Amino acid sequence: MRDNFRPNVRLTTNILMVIGTFLIAINLASIGKQDKKYIQRRDDCADASARVITEDRIVKKYKIGQVVEGYLDKSFYIDKFCSFYRQIY
């Protein structure tokens, strides 16, 4: 029993290193996807403030202000939504 201890530890360590490598790769892949969402929303907010896309389109795409629609104008909701994506220098 003592003869197999060292090879078993080495084998277990190698298996855990392979599993750990795949877990790190999966986490890095998910970070890249979330960054794309942020960039898309930032670009859409820039387009909305430049009036490249209509207010109706951005309200429908991101479901902004649909609970109390008609209470305040759409530009108020878009301004609040896009305030997170604006960079202040």
N, C-alpha and C. Protein backbone atom coordinates (compact mmCIF):
# COMPACT_ATOMS: atom_id res chain seq x y z
N MET A 1 0.83 -1.18 0.00
CA MET A 1 0.00 0.00 0.00
C MET A 1 0.87 1.25 0.00
N ARG A 2 1.98 1.17 0.68
CA ARG A 2 2.87 2.31 0.75
C ARG A 2 3.54 2.59 -0.59
N ASP A 3 3.69 1.57 -1.41
CA ASP A 3 4.36 1.72 -2.70
C ASP A 3 3.57 2.58 -3.68
N ASN A 4 2.25 2.61 -3.57
CA ASN A 4 1.41 3.33 -4.52
C ASN A 4 1.07 4.75 -4.08
N PHE A 5 1.49 5.14 -2.89
CA PHE A 5 1.08 6.45 -2.37
C PHE A 5 1.63 7.60 -3.20
N ARG A 6 2.90 7.62 -3.47
CA ARG A 6 3.52 8.72 -4.19
C ARG A 6 3.01 8.85 -5.63
N PRO A 7 2.88 7.77 -6.39
CA PRO A 7 2.30 7.91 -7.74
C PRO A 7 0.84 8.35 -7.73
N ASN A 8 0.09 7.92 -6.73
CA ASN A 8 -1.31 8.35 -6.63
C ASN A 8 -1.42 9.84 -6.33
N VAL A 9 -0.56 10.36 -5.48
CA VAL A 9 -0.57 11.79 -5.18
C VAL A 9 -0.20 12.58 -6.43
N ARG A 10 0.80 12.11 -7.17
CA ARG A 10 1.22 12.78 -8.40
C ARG A 10 0.10 12.77 -9.44
N LEU A 11 -0.58 11.66 -9.59
CA LEU A 11 -1.69 11.55 -10.53
C LEU A 11 -2.84 12.46 -10.14
N THR A 12 -3.17 12.49 -8.85
CA THR A 12 -4.24 13.35 -8.36
C THR A 12 -3.90 14.82 -8.58
N THR A 13 -2.66 15.18 -8.32
CA THR A 13 -2.23 16.57 -8.52
C THR A 13 -2.34 16.96 -9.99
N ASN A 14 -1.93 16.09 -10.88
CA ASN A 14 -2.02 16.38 -12.32
C ASN A 14 -3.48 16.54 -12.77
N ILE A 15 -4.34 15.68 -12.27
CA ILE A 15 -5.77 15.78 -12.63
C ILE A 15 -6.35 17.09 -12.12
N LEU A 16 -6.03 17.47 -10.91
CA LEU A 16 -6.54 18.73 -10.36
C LEU A 16 -6.01 19.94 -11.12
N MET A 17 -4.76 19.89 -11.58
CA MET A 17 -4.22 21.00 -12.36
C MET A 17 -4.94 21.13 -13.70
N VAL A 18 -5.28 20.02 -14.33
CA VAL A 18 -6.02 20.07 -15.60
C VAL A 18 -7.41 20.65 -15.38
N ILE A 19 -8.09 20.19 -14.35
CA ILE A 19 -9.43 20.70 -14.04
C ILE A 19 -9.37 22.19 -13.72
N GLY A 20 -8.39 22.61 -12.94
CA GLY A 20 -8.23 24.02 -12.61
C GLY A 20 -7.98 24.89 -13.83
N THR A 21 -7.20 24.38 -14.77
CA THR A 21 -6.93 25.13 -16.00
C THR A 21 -8.21 25.35 -16.79
N PHE A 22 -9.05 24.32 -16.90
CA PHE A 22 -10.31 24.48 -17.62
C PHE A 22 -11.26 25.44 -16.90
N LEU A 23 -11.28 25.40 -15.58
CA LEU A 23 -12.14 26.33 -14.83
C LEU A 23 -11.70 27.77 -15.03
N ILE A 24 -10.41 28.02 -15.06
CA ILE A 24 -9.91 29.38 -15.31
C ILE A 24 -10.29 29.83 -16.71
N ALA A 25 -10.18 28.95 -17.69
CA ALA A 25 -10.55 29.29 -19.07
C ALA A 25 -12.03 29.62 -19.19
N ILE A 26 -12.87 28.88 -18.50
CA ILE A 26 -14.32 29.15 -18.54
C ILE A 26 -14.62 30.50 -17.92
N ASN A 27 -13.98 30.83 -16.80
CA ASN A 27 -14.20 32.13 -16.16
C ASN A 27 -13.74 33.28 -17.04
N LEU A 28 -12.63 33.13 -17.72
CA LEU A 28 -12.15 34.19 -18.61
C LEU A 28 -13.08 34.37 -19.79
N ALA A 29 -13.67 33.31 -20.28
CA ALA A 29 -14.60 33.41 -21.40
C ALA A 29 -15.86 34.17 -20.99
N SER A 30 -16.35 33.96 -19.79
CA SER A 30 -17.55 34.67 -19.34
C SER A 30 -17.28 36.15 -19.11
N ILE A 31 -16.07 36.51 -18.72
CA ILE A 31 -15.73 37.92 -18.55
C ILE A 31 -15.78 38.64 -19.88
N GLY A 32 -15.31 37.99 -20.94
CA GLY A 32 -15.33 38.59 -22.26
C GLY A 32 -16.74 38.85 -22.76
N LYS A 33 -17.68 37.98 -22.46
CA LYS A 33 -19.06 38.16 -22.89
C LYS A 33 -19.71 39.32 -22.17
N GLN A 34 -19.45 39.47 -20.90
CA GLN A 34 -20.05 40.56 -20.15
C GLN A 34 -19.50 41.90 -20.61
N ASP A 35 -18.25 41.95 -20.97
CA ASP A 35 -17.66 43.18 -21.45
C ASP A 35 -18.31 43.60 -22.77
N LYS A 36 -18.69 42.66 -23.61
CA LYS A 36 -19.35 42.98 -24.87
C LYS A 36 -20.71 43.60 -24.62
N LYS A 37 -21.43 43.12 -23.61
CA LYS A 37 -22.73 43.72 -23.27
C LYS A 37 -22.55 45.17 -22.83
N TYR A 38 -21.54 45.42 -22.02
CA TYR A 38 -21.27 46.77 -21.55
C TYR A 38 -20.95 47.70 -22.72
N ILE A 39 -20.12 47.23 -23.62
CA ILE A 39 -19.72 48.05 -24.77
C ILE A 39 -20.94 48.33 -25.66
N GLN A 40 -21.80 47.33 -25.86
CA GLN A 40 -23.00 47.53 -26.69
C GLN A 40 -23.93 48.55 -26.06
N ARG A 41 -24.15 48.47 -24.76
CA ARG A 41 -25.02 49.44 -24.09
C ARG A 41 -24.42 50.83 -24.13
N ARG A 42 -23.11 50.93 -23.93
CA ARG A 42 -22.45 52.24 -23.99
C ARG A 42 -22.60 52.86 -25.37
N ASP A 43 -22.42 52.05 -26.41
CA ASP A 43 -22.55 52.56 -27.77
C ASP A 43 -23.99 52.95 -28.08
N ASP A 44 -24.95 52.16 -27.60
CA ASP A 44 -26.35 52.51 -27.81
C ASP A 44 -26.72 53.81 -27.09
N CYS A 45 -26.17 54.02 -25.91
CA CYS A 45 -26.43 55.27 -25.19
C CYS A 45 -25.83 56.46 -25.94
N ALA A 46 -24.66 56.27 -26.50
CA ALA A 46 -24.05 57.34 -27.29
C ALA A 46 -24.89 57.63 -28.52
N ASP A 47 -25.39 56.60 -29.18
CA ASP A 47 -26.25 56.79 -30.34
C ASP A 47 -27.56 57.46 -29.98
N ALA A 48 -28.11 57.12 -28.82
CA ALA A 48 -29.37 57.73 -28.39
C ALA A 48 -29.18 59.21 -28.07
N SER A 49 -28.07 59.54 -27.44
CA SER A 49 -27.85 60.95 -27.12
C SER A 49 -27.52 61.76 -28.37
N ALA A 50 -26.97 61.12 -29.41
CA ALA A 50 -26.69 61.80 -30.67
C ALA A 50 -27.87 61.73 -31.62
N ARG A 51 -28.97 61.11 -31.19
CA ARG A 51 -30.20 60.96 -31.97
C ARG A 51 -29.99 60.13 -33.24
N VAL A 52 -29.05 59.18 -33.18
CA VAL A 52 -28.83 58.28 -34.31
C VAL A 52 -29.93 57.22 -34.33
N ILE A 53 -30.30 56.73 -33.15
CA ILE A 53 -31.43 55.80 -33.04
C ILE A 53 -32.55 56.50 -32.30
N THR A 54 -33.76 56.06 -32.53
CA THR A 54 -34.92 56.73 -31.92
C THR A 54 -35.06 56.33 -30.46
N GLU A 55 -35.78 57.18 -29.73
CA GLU A 55 -36.03 56.88 -28.32
C GLU A 55 -36.87 55.62 -28.17
N ASP A 56 -37.81 55.43 -29.07
CA ASP A 56 -38.66 54.24 -28.99
C ASP A 56 -37.84 52.96 -29.13
N ARG A 57 -36.84 52.99 -29.99
CA ARG A 57 -36.03 51.80 -30.22
C ARG A 57 -35.21 51.43 -28.99
N ILE A 58 -34.58 52.41 -28.34
CA ILE A 58 -33.77 52.10 -27.15
C ILE A 58 -34.65 51.73 -25.96
N VAL A 59 -35.85 52.35 -25.86
CA VAL A 59 -36.77 51.99 -24.78
C VAL A 59 -37.25 50.55 -24.95
N LYS A 60 -37.53 50.17 -26.18
CA LYS A 60 -37.99 48.81 -26.45
C LYS A 60 -36.87 47.79 -26.27
N LYS A 61 -35.65 48.13 -26.71
CA LYS A 61 -34.54 47.20 -26.65
C LYS A 61 -34.13 46.88 -25.21
N TYR A 62 -34.08 47.89 -24.34
CA TYR A 62 -33.63 47.68 -22.97
C TYR A 62 -34.76 47.69 -21.94
N LYS A 63 -36.01 47.78 -22.43
CA LYS A 63 -37.19 47.74 -21.55
C LYS A 63 -37.09 48.81 -20.46
N ILE A 64 -36.90 50.03 -20.88
CA ILE A 64 -36.75 51.15 -19.96
C ILE A 64 -38.10 51.82 -19.74
N GLY A 65 -38.48 52.05 -18.50
CA GLY A 65 -39.66 52.84 -18.17
C GLY A 65 -40.97 52.23 -18.62
N GLN A 66 -41.10 50.93 -18.66
CA GLN A 66 -42.33 50.33 -19.12
C GLN A 66 -43.37 50.16 -18.01
N VAL A 67 -42.95 50.24 -16.77
CA VAL A 67 -43.90 50.04 -15.66
C VAL A 67 -44.82 51.25 -15.53
N VAL A 68 -44.26 52.42 -15.59
CA VAL A 68 -45.05 53.65 -15.42
C VAL A 68 -45.00 54.47 -16.70
N GLU A 69 -45.22 53.84 -17.82
CA GLU A 69 -45.14 54.54 -19.10
C GLU A 69 -46.21 55.62 -19.17
N GLY A 70 -45.83 56.77 -19.64
CA GLY A 70 -46.73 57.89 -19.72
C GLY A 70 -46.59 58.83 -18.53
N TYR A 71 -45.92 58.40 -17.48
CA TYR A 71 -45.75 59.24 -16.30
C TYR A 71 -44.73 60.33 -16.55
N LEU A 72 -43.59 59.98 -17.09
CA LEU A 72 -42.57 60.95 -17.47
C LEU A 72 -42.16 60.66 -18.91
N ASP A 73 -41.49 61.60 -19.52
CA ASP A 73 -41.11 61.39 -20.91
C ASP A 73 -39.99 60.36 -21.03
N LYS A 74 -39.84 59.81 -22.23
CA LYS A 74 -38.87 58.74 -22.47
C LYS A 74 -37.45 59.23 -22.32
N SER A 75 -37.20 60.47 -22.64
CA SER A 75 -35.83 60.99 -22.55
C SER A 75 -35.34 61.00 -21.10
N PHE A 76 -36.26 61.16 -20.14
CA PHE A 76 -35.88 61.09 -18.72
C PHE A 76 -35.36 59.70 -18.37
N TYR A 77 -36.08 58.66 -18.82
CA TYR A 77 -35.66 57.29 -18.54
C TYR A 77 -34.36 56.95 -19.24
N ILE A 78 -34.21 57.39 -20.47
CA ILE A 78 -32.98 57.13 -21.21
C ILE A 78 -31.81 57.83 -20.55
N ASP A 79 -32.03 59.04 -20.07
CA ASP A 79 -30.97 59.78 -19.39
C ASP A 79 -30.53 59.07 -18.12
N LYS A 80 -31.47 58.57 -17.36
CA LYS A 80 -31.14 57.84 -16.13
C LYS A 80 -30.41 56.53 -16.44
N PHE A 81 -30.86 55.82 -17.46
CA PHE A 81 -30.24 54.56 -17.85
C PHE A 81 -28.83 54.78 -18.35
N CYS A 82 -28.63 55.82 -19.14
CA CYS A 82 -27.33 56.06 -19.77
C CYS A 82 -26.36 56.81 -18.86
N SER A 83 -26.81 57.30 -17.72
CA SER A 83 -25.90 58.02 -16.84
C SER A 83 -24.78 57.12 -16.31
N PHE A 84 -25.04 55.83 -16.23
CA PHE A 84 -24.02 54.88 -15.78
C PHE A 84 -22.92 54.72 -16.82
N TYR A 85 -23.26 54.84 -18.09
CA TYR A 85 -22.31 54.57 -19.17
C TYR A 85 -21.56 55.81 -19.63
N ARG A 86 -21.84 56.93 -19.08
CA ARG A 86 -21.11 58.15 -19.43
C ARG A 86 -19.83 58.22 -18.62
N GLN A 87 -18.77 58.65 -19.27
CA GLN A 87 -17.51 58.81 -18.58
C GLN A 87 -17.28 60.28 -18.30
N ILE A 88 -16.95 60.57 -17.07
CA ILE A 88 -16.70 61.95 -16.66
C ILE A 88 -15.19 62.13 -16.55
N TYR A 89 -14.68 63.11 -17.23
CA TYR A 89 -13.23 63.37 -17.19
C TYR A 89 -12.92 64.53 -16.30
